[in-house]
C-alpha atoms as a PDB file:
ATOM      1  CA  MET A   1     158.628  69.519  87.900  1.00  0.00           C
ATOM      2  CA  ALA A   2     156.471  67.943  85.711  1.00  0.00           C
ATOM      3  CA  SER A   3     157.515  66.622  82.213  1.00  0.00           C
ATOM      4  CA  VAL A   4     155.645  68.137  78.996  1.00  0.00           C
ATOM      5  CA  GLU A   5     153.751  65.237  78.181  1.00  0.00           C
ATOM      6  CA  ASP A   6     152.879  65.038  82.268  1.00  0.00           C
ATOM      7  CA  ILE A   7     151.868  68.368  82.058  1.00  0.00           C
ATOM      8  CA  ALA A   8     149.658  67.676  78.557  1.00  0.00           C
ATOM      9  CA  ALA A   9     147.622  64.664  80.278  1.00  0.00           C
ATOM     10  CA  SER A  10     146.907  66.904  83.167  1.00  0.00           C
ATOM     11  CA  ILE A  11     145.309  69.281  81.644  1.00  0.00           C
ATOM     12  CA  ALA A  12     143.696  67.169  78.860  1.00  0.00           C
ATOM     13  CA  SER A  13     141.911  65.241  81.926  1.00  0.00           C
ATOM     14  CA  LEU A  14     140.146  69.195  82.622  1.00  0.00           C
ATOM     15  CA  ILE A  15     139.635  70.406  79.658  1.00  0.00           C
ATOM     16  CA  GLY A  16     140.122  67.460  77.435  1.00  0.00           C
ATOM     17  CA  GLU A  17     142.623  67.534  73.995  1.00  0.00           C
ATOM     18  CA  ASN A  18     143.408  70.815  71.817  1.00  0.00           C
ATOM     19  CA  ASP A  19     140.820  71.449  69.040  1.00  0.00           C
ATOM     20  CA  GLU A  20     141.673  71.219  65.659  1.00  0.00           C
ATOM     21  CA  PRO A  21     143.335  74.253  64.263  1.00  0.00           C
ATOM     22  CA  SER A  22     140.641  75.771  61.703  1.00  0.00           C
ATOM     23  CA  THR A  23     142.489  75.292  57.996  1.00  0.00           C
ATOM     24  CA  VAL A  24     141.179  75.384  54.787  1.00  0.00           C
ATOM     25  CA  THR A  25     140.266  72.047  52.965  1.00  0.00           C
ATOM     26  CA  VAL A  26     138.013  73.318  50.153  1.00  0.00           C
ATOM     27  CA  PHE A  27     138.287  76.212  47.720  1.00  0.00           C
ATOM     28  CA  LEU A  28     135.760  77.061  44.482  1.00  0.00           C
ATOM     29  CA  SER A  29     137.153  77.960  41.756  1.00  0.00           C
ATOM     30  CA  THR A  30     136.171  81.473  40.401  1.00  0.00           C
ATOM     31  CA  GLY A  31     136.941  80.634  36.915  1.00  0.00           C
ATOM     32  CA  TYR A  32     140.009  82.363  36.256  1.00  0.00           C
ATOM     33  CA  PRO A  33     143.402  80.321  37.367  1.00  0.00           C
ATOM     34  CA  GLU A  34     144.957  83.838  37.478  1.00  0.00           C
ATOM     35  CA  LEU A  35     142.682  84.601  40.200  1.00  0.00           C
ATOM     36  CA  ASP A  36     142.442  81.690  41.905  1.00  0.00           C
ATOM     37  CA  TYR A  37     146.285  81.594  42.300  1.00  0.00           C
ATOM     38  CA  ALA A  38     146.492  85.012  43.560  1.00  0.00           C
ATOM     39  CA  LEU A  39     143.840  83.344  46.249  1.00  0.00           C
ATOM     40  CA  SER A  40     145.260  80.300  46.839  1.00  0.00           C
ATOM     41  CA  ASN A  41     148.543  79.443  45.268  1.00  0.00           C
ATOM     42  CA  LEU A  42     146.675  76.621  43.807  1.00  0.00           C
ATOM     43  CA  TRP A  43     145.760  77.155  39.976  1.00  0.00           C
ATOM     44  CA  GLU A  44     142.973  74.413  41.146  1.00  0.00           C
ATOM     45  CA  GLY A  45     142.172  76.754  44.725  1.00  0.00           C
ATOM     46  CA  GLY A  46     140.160  80.050  44.437  1.00  0.00           C
ATOM     47  CA  ILE A  47     137.866  81.444  47.466  1.00  0.00           C
ATOM     48  CA  ALA A  48     138.041  79.777  50.841  1.00  0.00           C
ATOM     49  CA  GLY A  49     135.320  77.296  51.594  1.00  0.00           C
ATOM     50  CA  GLY A  50     134.195  77.691  55.823  1.00  0.00           C
ATOM     51  CA  ARG A  51     134.977  81.908  55.490  1.00  0.00           C
ATOM     52  CA  MET A  52     133.724  85.095  55.130  1.00  0.00           C
ATOM     53  CA  VAL A  53     134.698  86.565  51.845  1.00  0.00           C
ATOM     54  CA  GLU A  54     134.249  90.172  50.531  1.00  0.00           C
ATOM     55  CA  ILE A  55     133.797  91.196  46.924  1.00  0.00           C
ATOM     56  CA  ALA A  56     133.646  94.841  46.717  1.00  0.00           C
ATOM     57  CA  GLY A  57     133.950  97.319  43.671  1.00  0.00           C
ATOM     58  CA  PRO A  58     132.201  99.823  41.081  1.00  0.00           C
ATOM     59  CA  PRO A  59     129.243  99.036  38.864  1.00  0.00           C
ATOM     60  CA  SER A  60     129.238  97.028  36.352  1.00  0.00           C
ATOM     61  CA  ALA A  61     132.793  95.220  37.203  1.00  0.00           C
ATOM     62  CA  GLY A  62     131.592  91.626  37.602  1.00  0.00           C
ATOM     63  CA  LYS A  63     131.071  91.217  41.320  1.00  0.00           C
ATOM     64  CA  THR A  64     127.584  88.668  40.556  1.00  0.00           C
ATOM     65  CA  ALA A  65     129.172  86.960  37.429  1.00  0.00           C
ATOM     66  CA  ILE A  66     132.102  86.142  40.063  1.00  0.00           C
ATOM     67  CA  ALA A  67     130.192  85.020  42.741  1.00  0.00           C
ATOM     68  CA  THR A  68     127.892  83.157  39.879  1.00  0.00           C
ATOM     69  CA  ALA A  69     130.818  81.182  38.857  1.00  0.00           C
ATOM     70  CA  ILE A  70     131.609  80.194  42.115  1.00  0.00           C
ATOM     71  CA  MET A  71     127.947  78.982  43.236  1.00  0.00           C
ATOM     72  CA  ALA A  72     128.288  76.896  40.084  1.00  0.00           C
ATOM     73  CA  HIS A  73     131.617  75.662  41.106  1.00  0.00           C
ATOM     74  CA  ALA A  74     130.393  74.579  44.282  1.00  0.00           C
ATOM     75  CA  GLN A  75     127.282  72.891  42.845  1.00  0.00           C
ATOM     76  CA  ARG A  76     129.616  71.140  40.291  1.00  0.00           C
ATOM     77  CA  MET A  77     131.073  69.766  43.804  1.00  0.00           C
ATOM     78  CA  GLY A  78     127.790  67.973  45.066  1.00  0.00           C
ATOM     79  CA  GLY A  79     127.260  71.391  47.091  1.00  0.00           C
ATOM     80  CA  ILE A  80     124.482  73.958  47.278  1.00  0.00           C
ATOM     81  CA  ALA A  81     124.239  77.389  46.588  1.00  0.00           C
ATOM     82  CA  GLY A  82     122.377  80.511  47.954  1.00  0.00           C
ATOM     83  CA  PHE A  83     121.560  84.131  46.657  1.00  0.00           C
ATOM     84  CA  MET A  84     120.634  86.222  49.043  1.00  0.00           C
ATOM     85  CA  ASP A  85     119.165  89.243  46.287  1.00  0.00           C
ATOM     86  CA  HIS A  86     118.975  92.876  48.811  1.00  0.00           C
ATOM     87  CA  GLU A  87     119.588  94.769  45.738  1.00  0.00           C
ATOM     88  CA  ARG A  88     116.143  92.722  43.669  1.00  0.00           C
ATOM     89  CA  SER A  89     118.721  92.974  40.346  1.00  0.00           C
ATOM     90  CA  PHE A  90     120.046  89.355  40.319  1.00  0.00           C
ATOM     91  CA  SER A  91     119.101  87.890  36.828  1.00  0.00           C
ATOM     92  CA  MET A  92     118.144  84.283  36.047  1.00  0.00           C
ATOM     93  CA  LYS A  93     118.632  84.659  32.742  1.00  0.00           C
ATOM     94  CA  LEU A  94     122.206  85.393  32.539  1.00  0.00           C
ATOM     95  CA  ALA A  95     123.007  82.699  35.637  1.00  0.00           C
ATOM     96  CA  PRO A  96     122.813  79.434  33.804  1.00  0.00           C
ATOM     97  CA  GLN A  97     124.789  81.027  31.107  1.00  0.00           C
ATOM     98  CA  LEU A  98     127.449  81.026  33.808  1.00  0.00           C
ATOM     99  CA  GLY A  99     127.030  77.239  34.455  1.00  0.00           C
ATOM    100  CA  LEU A 100     124.539  77.902  37.505  1.00  0.00           C
ATOM    101  CA  ASP A 101     121.918  75.341  38.021  1.00  0.00           C
ATOM    102  CA  ILE A 102     118.897  77.504  39.195  1.00  0.00           C
ATOM    103  CA  ARG A 103     116.943  74.131  39.821  1.00  0.00           C
ATOM    104  CA  PRO A 104     115.147  74.169  43.951  1.00  0.00           C
ATOM    105  CA  GLY A 105     117.493  72.278  45.414  1.00  0.00           C
ATOM    106  CA  LYS A 106     120.732  73.256  43.993  1.00  0.00           C
ATOM    107  CA  PHE A 107     119.771  77.097  44.245  1.00  0.00           C
ATOM    108  CA  ILE A 108     118.002  78.638  47.109  1.00  0.00           C
ATOM    109  CA  TYR A 109     116.713  82.386  45.972  1.00  0.00           C
ATOM    110  CA  ARG A 110     115.883  85.355  48.676  1.00  0.00           C
ATOM    111  CA  LYS A 111     115.168  88.432  48.736  1.00  0.00           C
ATOM    112  CA  PRO A 112     115.074  88.687  52.756  1.00  0.00           C
ATOM    113  CA  ARG A 113     113.979  92.203  54.209  1.00  0.00           C
ATOM    114  CA  THR A 114     116.610  92.705  56.656  1.00  0.00           C
ATOM    115  CA  PHE A 115     120.281  91.823  57.344  1.00  0.00           C
ATOM    116  CA  GLU A 116     119.352  90.127  60.576  1.00  0.00           C
ATOM    117  CA  GLU A 117     116.471  87.803  58.644  1.00  0.00           C
ATOM    118  CA  SER A 118     119.184  87.339  55.834  1.00  0.00           C
ATOM    119  CA  ILE A 119     121.919  86.015  58.143  1.00  0.00           C
ATOM    120  CA  THR A 120     119.488  83.860  60.382  1.00  0.00           C
ATOM    121  CA  ILE A 121     118.191  82.001  56.969  1.00  0.00           C
ATOM    122  CA  ALA A 122     121.835  81.251  55.688  1.00  0.00           C
ATOM    123  CA  VAL A 123     122.990  79.678  59.160  1.00  0.00           C
ATOM    124  CA  GLU A 124     119.486  77.747  59.552  1.00  0.00           C
ATOM    125  CA  VAL A 125     119.377  76.403  56.135  1.00  0.00           C
ATOM    126  CA  ALA A 126     123.241  75.359  56.511  1.00  0.00           C
ATOM    127  CA  ARG A 127     122.422  73.736  59.950  1.00  0.00           C
ATOM    128  CA  HIS A 128     120.072  71.879  58.408  1.00  0.00           C
ATOM    129  CA  ILE A 129     121.804  70.300  55.737  1.00  0.00           C
ATOM    130  CA  ARG A 130     124.330  69.203  57.718  1.00  0.00           C
ATOM    131  CA  LYS A 131     122.267  67.639  60.409  1.00  0.00           C
ATOM    132  CA  ASN A 132     120.352  65.610  57.645  1.00  0.00           C
ATOM    133  CA  LYS A 133     123.148  64.820  55.738  1.00  0.00           C
ATOM    134  CA  LEU A 134     121.255  66.324  52.759  1.00  0.00           C
ATOM    135  CA  ILE A 135     124.409  66.825  50.617  1.00  0.00           C
ATOM    136  CA  ASP A 136     127.993  65.144  51.123  1.00  0.00           C
ATOM    137  CA  ALA A 137     129.924  66.092  54.494  1.00  0.00           C
ATOM    138  CA  LYS A 138     132.906  67.994  52.684  1.00  0.00           C
ATOM    139  CA  ALA A 139     130.459  69.029  49.704  1.00  0.00           C
ATOM    140  CA  PRO A 140     130.180  72.762  50.197  1.00  0.00           C
ATOM    141  CA  ILE A 141     127.800  75.272  51.285  1.00  0.00           C
ATOM    142  CA  VAL A 142     128.022  78.756  49.594  1.00  0.00           C
ATOM    143  CA  TRP A 143     125.803  81.965  50.391  1.00  0.00           C
ATOM    144  CA  VAL A 144     125.862  84.960  48.454  1.00  0.00           C
ATOM    145  CA  PHE A 145     124.985  88.192  50.294  1.00  0.00           C
ATOM    146  CA  ASP A 146     124.223  91.051  47.196  1.00  0.00           C
ATOM    147  CA  SER A 147     125.297  93.474  48.725  1.00  0.00           C
ATOM    148  CA  LEU A 148     126.519  94.120  51.895  1.00  0.00           C
ATOM    149  CA  ALA A 149     125.280  98.072  51.245  1.00  0.00           C
ATOM    150  CA  ALA A 150     122.359  97.208  50.481  1.00  0.00           C
ATOM    151  CA  MET A 151     121.284  94.960  53.477  1.00  0.00           C
ATOM    152  CA  VAL A 152     118.847  96.903  55.831  1.00  0.00           C
ATOM    153  CA  PRO A 153     119.264  96.558  59.872  1.00  0.00           C
ATOM    154  CA  GLN A 154     115.910  95.504  61.216  1.00  0.00           C
ATOM    155  CA  SER A 155     116.432  98.896  63.874  1.00  0.00           C
ATOM    156  CA  ALA A 156     116.998 100.889  60.591  1.00  0.00           C
ATOM    157  CA  LEU A 157     113.935  99.151  58.928  1.00  0.00           C
ATOM    158  CA  ILE A 158     111.492  98.751  61.432  1.00  0.00           C
ATOM    159  CA  ASP A 159     110.208 100.836  64.572  1.00  0.00           C
ATOM    160  CA  ALA A 160     111.088  99.331  67.645  1.00  0.00           C
ATOM    161  CA  LYS A 161     108.186 100.621  69.706  1.00  0.00           C
ATOM    162  CA  THR A 162     105.185  99.918  67.026  1.00  0.00           C
ATOM    163  CA  GLY A 163     107.007  97.061  65.194  1.00  0.00           C
ATOM    164  CA  LYS A 164     105.624  98.725  61.946  1.00  0.00           C
ATOM    165  CA  ASP A 165     107.496  99.448  58.984  1.00  0.00           C
ATOM    166  CA  LYS A 166     109.355 103.406  59.613  1.00  0.00           C
ATOM    167  CA  GLU A 167     108.575 106.043  56.984  1.00  0.00           C
ATOM    168  CA  ALA A 168     110.854 108.487  55.821  1.00  0.00           C
ATOM    169  CA  GLY A 169     110.663 110.966  58.140  1.00  0.00           C
ATOM    170  CA  ASP A 170     111.232 108.582  61.107  1.00  0.00           C
ATOM    171  CA  ARG A 171     114.755 107.921  60.144  1.00  0.00           C
ATOM    172  CA  ASN A 172     117.579 109.592  61.837  1.00  0.00           C
ATOM    173  CA  MET A 173     121.631 109.914  61.391  1.00  0.00           C
ATOM    174  CA  ASN A 174     121.430 106.340  64.220  1.00  0.00           C
ATOM    175  CA  ASP A 175     119.675 104.804  61.198  1.00  0.00           C
ATOM    176  CA  ASN A 176     122.804 106.058  59.075  1.00  0.00           C
ATOM    177  CA  THR A 177     125.312 104.023  60.935  1.00  0.00           C
ATOM    178  CA  ALA A 178     123.060 100.922  61.606  1.00  0.00           C
ATOM    179  CA  LEU A 179     124.704  98.664  59.592  1.00  0.00           C
ATOM    180  CA  ALA A 180     127.884  98.942  60.660  1.00  0.00           C
ATOM    181  CA  ARG A 181     126.834  98.163  64.558  1.00  0.00           C
ATOM    182  CA  ALA A 182     124.798  95.529  63.128  1.00  0.00           C
ATOM    183  CA  THR A 183     127.876  93.942  61.203  1.00  0.00           C
ATOM    184  CA  SER A 184     130.180  94.602  64.068  1.00  0.00           C
ATOM    185  CA  ALA A 185     127.193  92.361  66.830  1.00  0.00           C
ATOM    186  CA  HIS A 186     127.025  89.769  64.300  1.00  0.00           C
ATOM    187  CA  PHE A 187     129.856  89.265  62.316  1.00  0.00           C
ATOM    188  CA  PRO A 188     131.639  87.659  65.005  1.00  0.00           C
ATOM    189  CA  ALA A 189     129.131  84.619  65.210  1.00  0.00           C
ATOM    190  CA  LEU A 190     129.045  84.607  61.901  1.00  0.00           C
ATOM    191  CA  ALA A 191     132.284  83.774  61.467  1.00  0.00           C
ATOM    192  CA  GLN A 192     131.922  81.226  63.805  1.00  0.00           C
ATOM    193  CA  SER A 193     128.927  79.487  61.609  1.00  0.00           C
ATOM    194  CA  ALA A 194     130.644  79.300  58.621  1.00  0.00           C
ATOM    195  CA  ASP A 195     133.425  77.455  60.498  1.00  0.00           C
ATOM    196  CA  ASP A 196     131.310  75.393  62.076  1.00  0.00           C
ATOM    197  CA  LEU A 197     129.084  74.458  59.161  1.00  0.00           C
ATOM    198  CA  GLY A 198     131.368  74.641  56.167  1.00  0.00           C
ATOM    199  CA  ILE A 199     129.863  77.330  54.410  1.00  0.00           C
ATOM    200  CA  CYS A 200     131.437  80.079  52.646  1.00  0.00           C
ATOM    201  CA  MET A 201     129.855  83.325  52.967  1.00  0.00           C
ATOM    202  CA  ILE A 202     130.510  85.622  49.732  1.00  0.00           C
ATOM    203  CA  PHE A 203     129.161  89.223  50.644  1.00  0.00           C
ATOM    204  CA  LEU A 204     129.198  91.269  47.826  1.00  0.00           C
ATOM    205  CA  ASN A 205     129.858  95.267  48.352  1.00  0.00           C
ATOM    206  CA  GLN A 206     129.818  98.724  46.698  1.00  0.00           C
ATOM    207  CA  ILE A 207     132.721 101.327  46.693  1.00  0.00           C
ATOM    208  CA  ARG A 208     132.476 104.320  48.457  1.00  0.00           C
ATOM    209  CA  ILE A 209     135.100 107.280  48.786  1.00  0.00           C
ATOM    210  CA  ASP A 210     136.756 108.171  52.075  1.00  0.00           C
ATOM    211  CA  LEU A 211     137.436 112.108  51.816  1.00  0.00           C
ATOM    212  CA  LYS A 212     139.290 111.789  54.903  1.00  0.00           C
ATOM    213  CA  VAL A 213     141.927 110.392  52.644  1.00  0.00           C
ATOM    214  CA  LEU A 214     144.560 112.354  50.439  1.00  0.00           C
ATOM    215  CA  TYR A 215     146.604 110.722  49.244  1.00  0.00           C
ATOM    216  CA  GLY A 216     146.915 107.095  48.445  1.00  0.00           C
ATOM    217  CA  ASP A 217     144.126 104.931  47.443  1.00  0.00           C
ATOM    218  CA  ASN A 218     140.369 106.558  49.133  1.00  0.00           C
ATOM    219  CA  ARG A 219     138.018 103.828  48.335  1.00  0.00           C
ATOM    220  CA  LYS A 220     136.375 102.025  51.174  1.00  0.00           C
ATOM    221  CA  THR A 221     133.245  99.389  51.284  1.00  0.00           C
ATOM    222  CA  ALA A 222     129.948  99.736  52.991  1.00  0.00           C
ATOM    223  CA  GLY A 223     129.920  98.110  56.600  1.00  0.00           C
ATOM    224  CA  GLY A 224     131.965  99.783  58.754  1.00  0.00           C
ATOM    225  CA  ASP A 225     135.357  98.268  59.566  1.00  0.00           C
ATOM    226  CA  ASN A 226     134.262  95.269  60.671  1.00  0.00           C
ATOM    227  CA  SER A 227     135.128  93.615  56.867  1.00  0.00           C
ATOM    228  CA  LYS A 228     138.912  94.364  57.580  1.00  0.00           C
ATOM    229  CA  PHE A 229     139.179  91.818  60.853  1.00  0.00           C
ATOM    230  CA  TYR A 230     136.595  89.435  59.834  1.00  0.00           C
ATOM    231  CA  PHE A 231     136.796  88.489  55.705  1.00  0.00           C
ATOM    232  CA  SER A 232     139.220  86.247  55.408  1.00  0.00           C
ATOM    233  CA  GLN A 233     139.830  87.490  52.134  1.00  0.00           C
ATOM    234  CA  ARG A 234     139.109  90.482  50.514  1.00  0.00           C
ATOM    235  CA  ILE A 235     138.922  91.415  46.868  1.00  0.00           C
ATOM    236  CA  MET A 236     138.659  94.717  45.490  1.00  0.00           C
ATOM    237  CA  LEU A 237     137.995  95.170  41.647  1.00  0.00           C
ATOM    238  CA  SER A 238     138.449  97.908  39.433  1.00  0.00           C
ATOM    239  CA  ALA A 239     137.167  97.729  35.522  1.00  0.00           C
ATOM    240  CA  SER A 240     138.370  99.728  32.443  1.00  0.00           C
ATOM    241  CA  LYS A 241     136.639  99.802  29.268  1.00  0.00           C
ATOM    242  CA  ILE A 242     137.580  97.550  25.807  1.00  0.00           C
ATOM    243  CA  THR A 243     136.860  98.656  22.881  1.00  0.00           C
ATOM    244  CA  LYS A 244     135.935  97.221  19.426  1.00  0.00           C
ATOM    245  CA  SER A 245     139.655  98.886  17.751  1.00  0.00           C
ATOM    246  CA  SER A 246     141.999 101.378  17.938  1.00  0.00           C
ATOM    247  CA  THR A 247     139.834 102.977  15.461  1.00  0.00           C
ATOM    248  CA  ASP A 248     136.723 101.642  16.364  1.00  0.00           C
ATOM    249  CA  LYS A 249     135.534 103.134  20.432  1.00  0.00           C
ATOM    250  CA  GLU A 250     132.598 100.657  20.135  1.00  0.00           C
ATOM    251  CA  VAL A 251     132.552  99.632  23.859  1.00  0.00           C
ATOM    252  CA  VAL A 252     132.394  95.542  23.546  1.00  0.00           C
ATOM    253  CA  GLY A 253     133.412  94.418  27.453  1.00  0.00           C
ATOM    254  CA  MET A 254     135.428  96.093  30.245  1.00  0.00           C
ATOM    255  CA  GLN A 255     138.631  94.696  31.603  1.00  0.00           C
ATOM    256  CA  ILE A 256     138.709  93.705  35.266  1.00  0.00           C
ATOM    257  CA  SER A 257     141.258  93.900  37.602  1.00  0.00           C
ATOM    258  CA  ALA A 258     141.590  92.731  41.267  1.00  0.00           C
ATOM    259  CA  VAL A 259     143.622  93.105  44.005  1.00  0.00           C
ATOM    260  CA  ILE A 260     144.030  91.169  46.990  1.00  0.00           C
ATOM    261  CA  ASN A 261     143.569  93.574  49.575  1.00  0.00           C
ATOM    262  CA  LYS A 262     143.328  90.886  51.965  1.00  0.00           C
ATOM    263  CA  ASN A 263     144.002  87.501  52.366  1.00  0.00           C
ATOM    264  CA  LYS A 264     144.235  84.581  55.089  1.00  0.00           C
ATOM    265  CA  VAL A 265     145.036  81.995  52.821  1.00  0.00           C
ATOM    266  CA  ALA A 266     147.851  83.537  50.945  1.00  0.00           C
ATOM    267  CA  ARG A 267     150.025  86.602  50.643  1.00  0.00           C
ATOM    268  CA  PRO A 268     147.806  89.894  50.485  1.00  0.00           C
ATOM    269  CA  PHE A 269     147.832  92.761  47.686  1.00  0.00           C
ATOM    270  CA  ARG A 270     148.540  90.040  44.762  1.00  0.00           C
ATOM    271  CA  THR A 271     146.826  91.512  41.368  1.00  0.00           C
ATOM    272  CA  ALA A 272     144.595  89.542  38.939  1.00  0.00           C
ATOM    273  CA  SER A 273     142.940  90.618  35.339  1.00  0.00           C
ATOM    274  CA  TRP A 274     140.114  89.304  32.858  1.00  0.00           C
ATOM    275  CA  ARG A 275     138.203  90.114  30.381  1.00  0.00           C
ATOM    276  CA  PHE A 276     134.378  90.549  30.369  1.00  0.00           C
ATOM    277  CA  GLU A 277     132.391  90.804  27.210  1.00  0.00           C
ATOM    278  CA  PHE A 278     128.919  92.249  26.458  1.00  0.00           C
ATOM    279  CA  LEU A 279     126.847  89.751  23.838  1.00  0.00           C
ATOM    280  CA  PRO A 280     124.094  90.667  21.219  1.00  0.00           C
ATOM    281  CA  ASP A 281     121.514  89.842  23.748  1.00  0.00           C
ATOM    282  CA  GLY A 282     122.192  92.295  26.308  1.00  0.00           C
ATOM    283  CA  THR A 283     123.877  89.252  28.898  1.00  0.00           C
ATOM    284  CA  GLY A 284     127.325  88.990  28.976  1.00  0.00           C
ATOM    285  CA  LYS A 285     130.430  86.433  30.179  1.00  0.00           C
ATOM    286  CA  PHE A 286     133.682  86.358  31.244  1.00  0.00           C
ATOM    287  CA  ASN A 287     135.617  85.295  28.230  1.00  0.00           C
ATOM    288  CA  VAL A 288     138.005  82.754  30.237  1.00  0.00           C
ATOM    289  CA  PHE A 289     139.776  81.476  27.453  1.00  0.00           C
ATOM    290  CA  ARG A 290     140.941  84.798  26.127  1.00  0.00           C
ATOM    291  CA  SER A 291     141.853  85.955  29.719  1.00  0.00           C
ATOM    292  CA  THR A 292     144.024  82.748  29.477  1.00  0.00           C
ATOM    293  CA  ILE A 293     145.541  83.132  26.605  1.00  0.00           C
ATOM    294  CA  ASP A 294     146.517  86.442  27.254  1.00  0.00           C
ATOM    295  CA  PHE A 295     147.847  85.639  30.622  1.00  0.00           C
ATOM    296  CA  LEU A 296     150.172  82.948  28.871  1.00  0.00           C
ATOM    297  CA  VAL A 297     151.462  85.556  26.314  1.00  0.00           C
ATOM    298  CA  LYS A 298     151.885  87.797  29.606  1.00  0.00           C
ATOM    299  CA  GLU A 299     154.040  85.086  31.314  1.00  0.00           C
ATOM    300  CA  LYS A 300     155.887  84.865  28.271  1.00  0.00           C
ATOM    301  CA  VAL A 301     154.315  80.954  28.010  1.00  0.00           C
ATOM    302  CA  LEU A 302     152.925  82.002  24.161  1.00  0.00           C
ATOM    303  CA  GLU A 303     155.677  83.850  22.127  1.00  0.00           C
ATOM    304  CA  SER A 304     153.162  86.298  20.474  1.00  0.00           C
ATOM    305  CA  SER A 305     154.908  88.836  17.756  1.00  0.00           C
ATOM    306  CA  ALA A 306     153.140  91.769  16.009  1.00  0.00           C
ATOM    307  CA  GLY A 307     149.281  91.193  18.010  1.00  0.00           C
ATOM    308  CA  TYR A 308     149.762  87.803  16.749  1.00  0.00           C
ATOM    309  CA  VAL A 309     150.237  84.117  18.854  1.00  0.00           C
ATOM    310  CA  LYS A 310     151.868  81.423  17.935  1.00  0.00           C
ATOM    311  CA  TRP A 311     150.044  78.172  18.443  1.00  0.00           C
ATOM    312  CA  GLU A 312     150.885  74.296  17.590  1.00  0.00           C
ATOM    313  CA  GLY A 313     152.748  75.791  14.843  1.00  0.00           C
ATOM    314  CA  GLY A 314     150.933  78.274  13.424  1.00  0.00           C
ATOM    315  CA  LYS A 315     149.446  81.950  14.255  1.00  0.00           C
ATOM    316  CA  SER A 316     146.636  83.732  15.309  1.00  0.00           C
ATOM    317  CA  TYR A 317     145.027  86.490  16.467  1.00  0.00           C
ATOM    318  CA  PRO A 318     143.947  86.224  20.528  1.00  0.00           C
ATOM    319  CA  GLY A 319     140.184  86.738  19.904  1.00  0.00           C
ATOM    320  CA  PRO A 320     140.013  83.716  17.000  1.00  0.00           C
ATOM    321  CA  LEU A 321     142.025  81.825  18.646  1.00  0.00           C
ATOM    322  CA  ALA A 322     140.363  81.820  22.174  1.00  0.00           C
ATOM    323  CA  ASP A 323     136.877  81.951  20.019  1.00  0.00           C
ATOM    324  CA  ARG A 324     138.608  78.116  18.242  1.00  0.00           C
ATOM    325  CA  LEU A 325     139.173  76.269  21.414  1.00  0.00           C
ATOM    326  CA  GLU A 326     135.963  77.443  22.865  1.00  0.00           C
ATOM    327  CA  LYS A 327     133.904  75.904  20.341  1.00  0.00           C
ATOM    328  CA  ALA A 328     136.032  72.603  20.317  1.00  0.00           C
ATOM    329  CA  GLY A 329     136.409  72.423  24.181  1.00  0.00           C
ATOM    330  CA  GLU A 330     140.130  72.267  24.264  1.00  0.00           C
ATOM    331  CA  TRP A 331     140.429  74.655  28.186  1.00  0.00           C
ATOM    332  CA  SER A 332     142.587  70.967  29.089  1.00  0.00           C
ATOM    333  CA  LYS A 333     145.016  72.555  26.986  1.00  0.00           C
ATOM    334  CA  LEU A 334     145.477  75.778  28.280  1.00  0.00           C
ATOM    335  CA  LEU A 335     145.433  75.037  31.758  1.00  0.00           C
ATOM    336  CA  ALA A 336     148.016  72.311  31.445  1.00  0.00           C
ATOM    337  CA  LEU A 337     150.628  75.169  29.867  1.00  0.00           C
ATOM    338  CA  LEU A 338     149.802  77.400  33.208  1.00  0.00           C
ATOM    339  CA  PRO A 339     153.423  78.175  34.338  1.00  0.00           C
ATOM    340  CA  LYS A 340     154.355  76.131  37.701  1.00  0.00           C
ATOM    341  CA  GLY A 341     156.971  78.357  38.796  1.00  0.00           C
ATOM    342  CA  TYR A 342     154.402  81.542  38.586  1.00  0.00           C
ATOM    343  CA  THR A 343     154.696  84.022  40.711  1.00  0.00           C
ATOM    344  CA  PRO A 344     151.085  86.431  41.219  1.00  0.00           C
ATOM    345  CA  PRO A 345     152.426  90.333  41.015  1.00  0.00           C
ATOM    346  CA  VAL A 346     151.703  92.544  44.373  1.00  0.00           C
ATOM    347  CA  VAL A 347     150.567  96.605  44.265  1.00  0.00           C
ATOM    348  CA  ALA A 348     152.989  98.627  44.132  1.00  0.00           C
ATOM    349  CA  GLU A 349     151.949 100.363  47.603  1.00  0.00           C
ATOM    350  CA  ILE A 350     150.127  98.959  50.392  1.00  0.00           C
ATOM    351  CA  GLU A 351     147.700 101.348  50.842  1.00  0.00           C
ATOM    352  CA  GLU A 352     145.490  99.496  53.796  1.00  0.00           C
ATOM    353  CA  GLU A 353     147.149  97.230  55.914  1.00  0.00           C
ATOM    354  CA  ALA A 354     145.444  93.963  56.210  1.00  0.00           C
ATOM    355  CA  ALA A 355     144.070  93.038  59.588  1.00  0.00           C
END
């Protein structure tokens, strides 16, 4: 009988040594420590680089804003970000306020007509960047697709016989299921490209209601069941209104909550929450300072009583304290208070089995 070493040497002479396993070496921050930790077990972690990720939620839940923050973080790491605007709604006005550098060469913006055109551009550009060493080999590439639900497969848009765009009357039931077939056909190869080229591919997605589910969570996402298998992380968002006060019901923002339905990097079904606030000019921002203060109060790192938070020998309401720290640029003081032994909360009931 041959020894283990002899067997290994013999097989290696035929097919070579074992491949290196696919491991995540780059994480891209969402801008919110609580969410980053839930995703990666790291306060400085977040979305997994080199993987396909889904961020789904209802309208105005902050999907694009989170994706923009991730793109901005990739740029700060020396990388390049790209945005595929299938919904035709990306705001070049809001993006810089979230830290995104929209100069060509740092940011690629396209409005593809079809699903196939979109993913082809993403892979070809990433391959060009890596082949020509336009950025450091370890620097991330991020592509955001907004949204999977709005990506039109070529078969649903173009008549195969005439090569022309289909008219409304030409579409049929097969076109309704074309996106699911397209993701089934292309996602396996796309996942390999993401790993090979170090691309973080973020698919924003819309929520659908599954009428067949009578108990538990009846939400699902567009594009068929393929997202359950090929996305390494799936983040499901929900939102509730924030009013000015208990007596003044003017809506001033949204409280965003996330459940990580699937996670190949850390434990799935963890939760996190943060604040998104509307600004007078019609835009909005994630109040990272206020959200982190609320988190530290919830974790009993900061003392709170009667609505006040104790801070450096004094006390203040969370809102004014957050504004003061932000104006003073004292983000590091909050980061230093993040608990080392933190265990993120999880949903009480697992409504969906993670693939």
